[in-house]
N, C-alpha and C. Protein backbone atom coordinates (compact mmCIF):
# COMPACT_ATOMS: atom_id res chain seq x y z
N MET A 1 -35.44 70.81 -58.95
CA MET A 1 -36.32 69.87 -59.62
C MET A 1 -36.26 70.10 -61.13
N LEU A 2 -36.38 69.04 -61.85
CA LEU A 2 -36.40 69.08 -63.31
C LEU A 2 -37.75 68.59 -63.80
N ARG A 3 -38.20 69.14 -64.91
CA ARG A 3 -39.48 68.72 -65.49
C ARG A 3 -39.23 68.17 -66.89
N TYR A 4 -39.79 66.99 -67.13
CA TYR A 4 -39.66 66.35 -68.43
C TYR A 4 -41.04 66.01 -68.96
N ARG A 5 -41.25 66.32 -70.23
CA ARG A 5 -42.49 65.97 -70.90
C ARG A 5 -42.42 64.51 -71.31
N ILE A 6 -43.55 63.82 -71.19
CA ILE A 6 -43.60 62.41 -71.56
C ILE A 6 -44.72 62.17 -72.56
N HIS A 7 -44.57 61.08 -73.30
CA HIS A 7 -45.59 60.65 -74.26
C HIS A 7 -46.08 59.28 -73.83
N LEU A 8 -47.40 59.13 -73.70
CA LEU A 8 -48.01 57.84 -73.37
C LEU A 8 -48.68 57.29 -74.61
N GLN A 9 -48.21 56.14 -75.06
CA GLN A 9 -48.76 55.48 -76.24
C GLN A 9 -49.61 54.31 -75.78
N PRO A 10 -50.95 54.37 -75.97
CA PRO A 10 -51.79 53.23 -75.58
C PRO A 10 -51.39 51.98 -76.36
N GLU A 11 -51.35 50.85 -75.66
CA GLU A 11 -50.98 49.59 -76.30
C GLU A 11 -52.22 48.72 -76.50
N PRO A 12 -52.28 47.97 -77.60
CA PRO A 12 -53.46 47.14 -77.90
C PRO A 12 -53.78 46.14 -76.78
N GLU A 13 -52.76 45.63 -76.13
CA GLU A 13 -52.97 44.64 -75.06
C GLU A 13 -53.29 45.30 -73.72
N GLY A 14 -53.31 46.63 -73.70
CA GLY A 14 -53.60 47.38 -72.48
C GLY A 14 -52.37 48.10 -71.98
N GLY A 15 -52.58 49.09 -71.17
CA GLY A 15 -51.48 49.86 -70.61
C GLY A 15 -50.91 50.84 -71.61
N TYR A 16 -49.80 51.44 -71.22
CA TYR A 16 -49.17 52.48 -72.02
C TYR A 16 -47.65 52.27 -72.07
N THR A 17 -47.08 52.47 -73.24
CA THR A 17 -45.64 52.61 -73.35
C THR A 17 -45.35 54.09 -73.16
N VAL A 18 -44.37 54.40 -72.32
CA VAL A 18 -44.04 55.78 -71.99
C VAL A 18 -42.65 56.11 -72.51
N THR A 19 -42.55 57.20 -73.28
CA THR A 19 -41.26 57.67 -73.77
C THR A 19 -41.05 59.11 -73.33
N VAL A 20 -39.78 59.51 -73.28
CA VAL A 20 -39.40 60.87 -72.88
C VAL A 20 -38.65 61.48 -74.07
N PRO A 21 -39.30 62.36 -74.83
CA PRO A 21 -38.67 62.89 -76.04
C PRO A 21 -37.27 63.49 -75.83
N SER A 22 -37.03 64.15 -74.72
CA SER A 22 -35.73 64.79 -74.51
C SER A 22 -34.69 63.85 -73.91
N LEU A 23 -35.09 62.58 -73.63
CA LEU A 23 -34.16 61.58 -73.11
C LEU A 23 -34.26 60.33 -73.97
N PRO A 24 -33.68 60.35 -75.18
CA PRO A 24 -33.77 59.18 -76.06
C PRO A 24 -33.29 57.91 -75.37
N GLY A 25 -34.09 56.88 -75.46
CA GLY A 25 -33.77 55.61 -74.82
C GLY A 25 -34.41 55.44 -73.46
N CYS A 26 -35.01 56.48 -72.93
CA CYS A 26 -35.70 56.41 -71.65
C CYS A 26 -37.14 55.98 -71.93
N VAL A 27 -37.40 54.69 -71.75
CA VAL A 27 -38.69 54.09 -72.11
C VAL A 27 -39.14 53.18 -70.97
N THR A 28 -40.44 53.21 -70.67
CA THR A 28 -41.00 52.34 -69.65
C THR A 28 -42.42 51.99 -70.03
N TRP A 29 -43.12 51.28 -69.17
CA TRP A 29 -44.49 50.86 -69.43
C TRP A 29 -45.28 50.92 -68.13
N GLY A 30 -46.57 51.23 -68.24
CA GLY A 30 -47.46 51.23 -67.09
C GLY A 30 -48.78 50.60 -67.44
N SER A 31 -49.41 49.96 -66.45
CA SER A 31 -50.66 49.23 -66.69
C SER A 31 -51.86 50.15 -66.85
N ASP A 32 -51.78 51.36 -66.29
CA ASP A 32 -52.83 52.37 -66.45
C ASP A 32 -52.17 53.74 -66.37
N TYR A 33 -52.97 54.80 -66.49
CA TYR A 33 -52.39 56.15 -66.52
C TYR A 33 -51.56 56.44 -65.27
N ARG A 34 -52.12 56.21 -64.09
CA ARG A 34 -51.43 56.51 -62.84
C ARG A 34 -50.13 55.70 -62.71
N HIS A 35 -50.21 54.43 -63.02
CA HIS A 35 -49.02 53.57 -62.96
C HIS A 35 -47.97 54.03 -63.97
N SER A 36 -48.42 54.47 -65.14
CA SER A 36 -47.49 54.96 -66.17
C SER A 36 -46.73 56.18 -65.70
N ILE A 37 -47.41 57.10 -65.01
CA ILE A 37 -46.75 58.30 -64.48
C ILE A 37 -45.73 57.90 -63.41
N GLU A 38 -46.10 56.97 -62.53
CA GLU A 38 -45.17 56.50 -61.49
C GLU A 38 -43.95 55.84 -62.13
N MET A 39 -44.17 55.00 -63.12
CA MET A 39 -43.06 54.31 -63.77
C MET A 39 -42.18 55.30 -64.54
N ALA A 40 -42.80 56.32 -65.15
CA ALA A 40 -42.03 57.34 -65.87
C ALA A 40 -41.12 58.09 -64.91
N THR A 41 -41.65 58.45 -63.75
CA THR A 41 -40.84 59.16 -62.76
C THR A 41 -39.65 58.32 -62.33
N GLU A 42 -39.89 57.05 -62.02
CA GLU A 42 -38.81 56.14 -61.62
C GLU A 42 -37.79 55.95 -62.74
N CYS A 43 -38.28 55.80 -63.96
CA CYS A 43 -37.40 55.59 -65.11
C CYS A 43 -36.51 56.82 -65.36
N ILE A 44 -37.11 58.00 -65.33
CA ILE A 44 -36.35 59.22 -65.56
C ILE A 44 -35.29 59.41 -64.48
N GLU A 45 -35.66 59.20 -63.23
CA GLU A 45 -34.68 59.34 -62.14
C GLU A 45 -33.50 58.39 -62.33
N GLY A 46 -33.77 57.14 -62.70
CA GLY A 46 -32.70 56.17 -62.94
C GLY A 46 -31.85 56.55 -64.15
N PHE A 47 -32.50 57.02 -65.18
CA PHE A 47 -31.80 57.44 -66.40
C PHE A 47 -30.85 58.59 -66.10
N LEU A 48 -31.35 59.60 -65.36
CA LEU A 48 -30.51 60.75 -65.01
C LEU A 48 -29.36 60.36 -64.09
N GLU A 49 -29.62 59.47 -63.15
CA GLU A 49 -28.56 59.01 -62.25
C GLU A 49 -27.47 58.28 -63.04
N THR A 50 -27.87 57.48 -64.02
CA THR A 50 -26.89 56.79 -64.87
C THR A 50 -26.05 57.79 -65.65
N LEU A 51 -26.69 58.82 -66.20
CA LEU A 51 -25.93 59.85 -66.91
C LEU A 51 -24.92 60.52 -65.96
N ARG A 52 -25.36 60.82 -64.74
CA ARG A 52 -24.47 61.45 -63.75
C ARG A 52 -23.27 60.56 -63.46
N ILE A 53 -23.51 59.28 -63.22
CA ILE A 53 -22.43 58.34 -62.92
C ILE A 53 -21.45 58.25 -64.08
N GLN A 54 -21.96 58.31 -65.30
CA GLN A 54 -21.12 58.25 -66.49
C GLN A 54 -20.43 59.57 -66.80
N GLY A 55 -20.75 60.62 -66.03
CA GLY A 55 -20.15 61.93 -66.26
C GLY A 55 -20.71 62.65 -67.47
N ARG A 56 -21.89 62.25 -67.90
CA ARG A 56 -22.51 62.87 -69.07
C ARG A 56 -23.44 64.00 -68.63
N ALA A 57 -23.69 64.92 -69.54
CA ALA A 57 -24.55 66.07 -69.26
C ALA A 57 -26.00 65.63 -69.10
N ILE A 58 -26.71 66.32 -68.21
CA ILE A 58 -28.13 66.07 -68.01
C ILE A 58 -28.90 66.92 -69.03
N PRO A 59 -29.63 66.27 -69.96
CA PRO A 59 -30.37 67.04 -70.96
C PRO A 59 -31.46 67.91 -70.33
N LYS A 60 -31.65 69.06 -70.91
CA LYS A 60 -32.70 69.96 -70.47
C LYS A 60 -34.03 69.50 -71.06
N GLU A 61 -35.09 70.00 -70.48
CA GLU A 61 -36.43 69.70 -70.96
C GLU A 61 -36.57 70.12 -72.42
N ASP A 62 -37.27 69.32 -73.19
CA ASP A 62 -37.49 69.59 -74.61
C ASP A 62 -38.97 69.88 -74.81
N ALA A 63 -39.30 70.99 -75.43
CA ALA A 63 -40.69 71.40 -75.62
C ALA A 63 -41.33 70.80 -76.86
N SER A 64 -40.61 69.93 -77.57
CA SER A 64 -41.18 69.39 -78.80
C SER A 64 -42.25 68.34 -78.52
N PRO A 65 -43.28 68.25 -79.37
CA PRO A 65 -44.32 67.24 -79.19
C PRO A 65 -43.77 65.86 -79.55
N PRO A 66 -44.37 64.76 -79.23
CA PRO A 66 -45.67 64.65 -78.57
C PRO A 66 -45.54 64.83 -77.06
N ILE A 67 -46.55 65.45 -76.48
CA ILE A 67 -46.54 65.71 -75.04
C ILE A 67 -47.90 65.32 -74.47
N ASP A 68 -47.90 64.42 -73.51
CA ASP A 68 -49.14 63.99 -72.88
C ASP A 68 -49.18 64.33 -71.40
N ALA A 69 -48.03 64.51 -70.79
CA ALA A 69 -47.96 64.81 -69.36
C ALA A 69 -46.58 65.37 -69.05
N VAL A 70 -46.43 65.96 -67.89
CA VAL A 70 -45.15 66.46 -67.42
C VAL A 70 -44.85 65.78 -66.09
N VAL A 71 -43.63 65.27 -65.96
CA VAL A 71 -43.19 64.60 -64.75
C VAL A 71 -42.10 65.43 -64.12
N GLU A 72 -42.19 65.67 -62.83
CA GLU A 72 -41.17 66.42 -62.11
C GLU A 72 -40.34 65.45 -61.30
N VAL A 73 -39.01 65.53 -61.44
CA VAL A 73 -38.08 64.63 -60.74
C VAL A 73 -36.99 65.44 -60.07
N ARG A 74 -36.37 64.85 -59.08
CA ARG A 74 -35.24 65.48 -58.41
C ARG A 74 -34.01 65.34 -59.29
N ALA A 75 -33.23 66.40 -59.38
CA ALA A 75 -31.97 66.34 -60.12
C ALA A 75 -30.99 65.48 -59.34
N PRO A 76 -30.21 64.64 -60.02
CA PRO A 76 -29.24 63.81 -59.31
C PRO A 76 -28.17 64.69 -58.65
N ALA A 77 -27.73 64.25 -57.49
CA ALA A 77 -26.67 64.98 -56.78
C ALA A 77 -25.38 64.89 -57.57
N ALA A 78 -24.65 65.97 -57.61
CA ALA A 78 -23.39 66.01 -58.38
C ALA A 78 -22.31 65.27 -57.69
């Protein structure tokens, strides 16, 4: 299992934009906190699977802020 820190940015129209600091370009949105965590998990898993298919390295967790939550995902099969 891999753990990635995520940042939840509240949006004026409601919900949260979710980014993953150690996975640039991995961005999603959720209508509330719980939905945002679910969407972040799905987004990270898809992002990592795409990296695997492309033969690119899987980035390790980054401890740099901003950090609002930690999401645990399964590592893609090699």
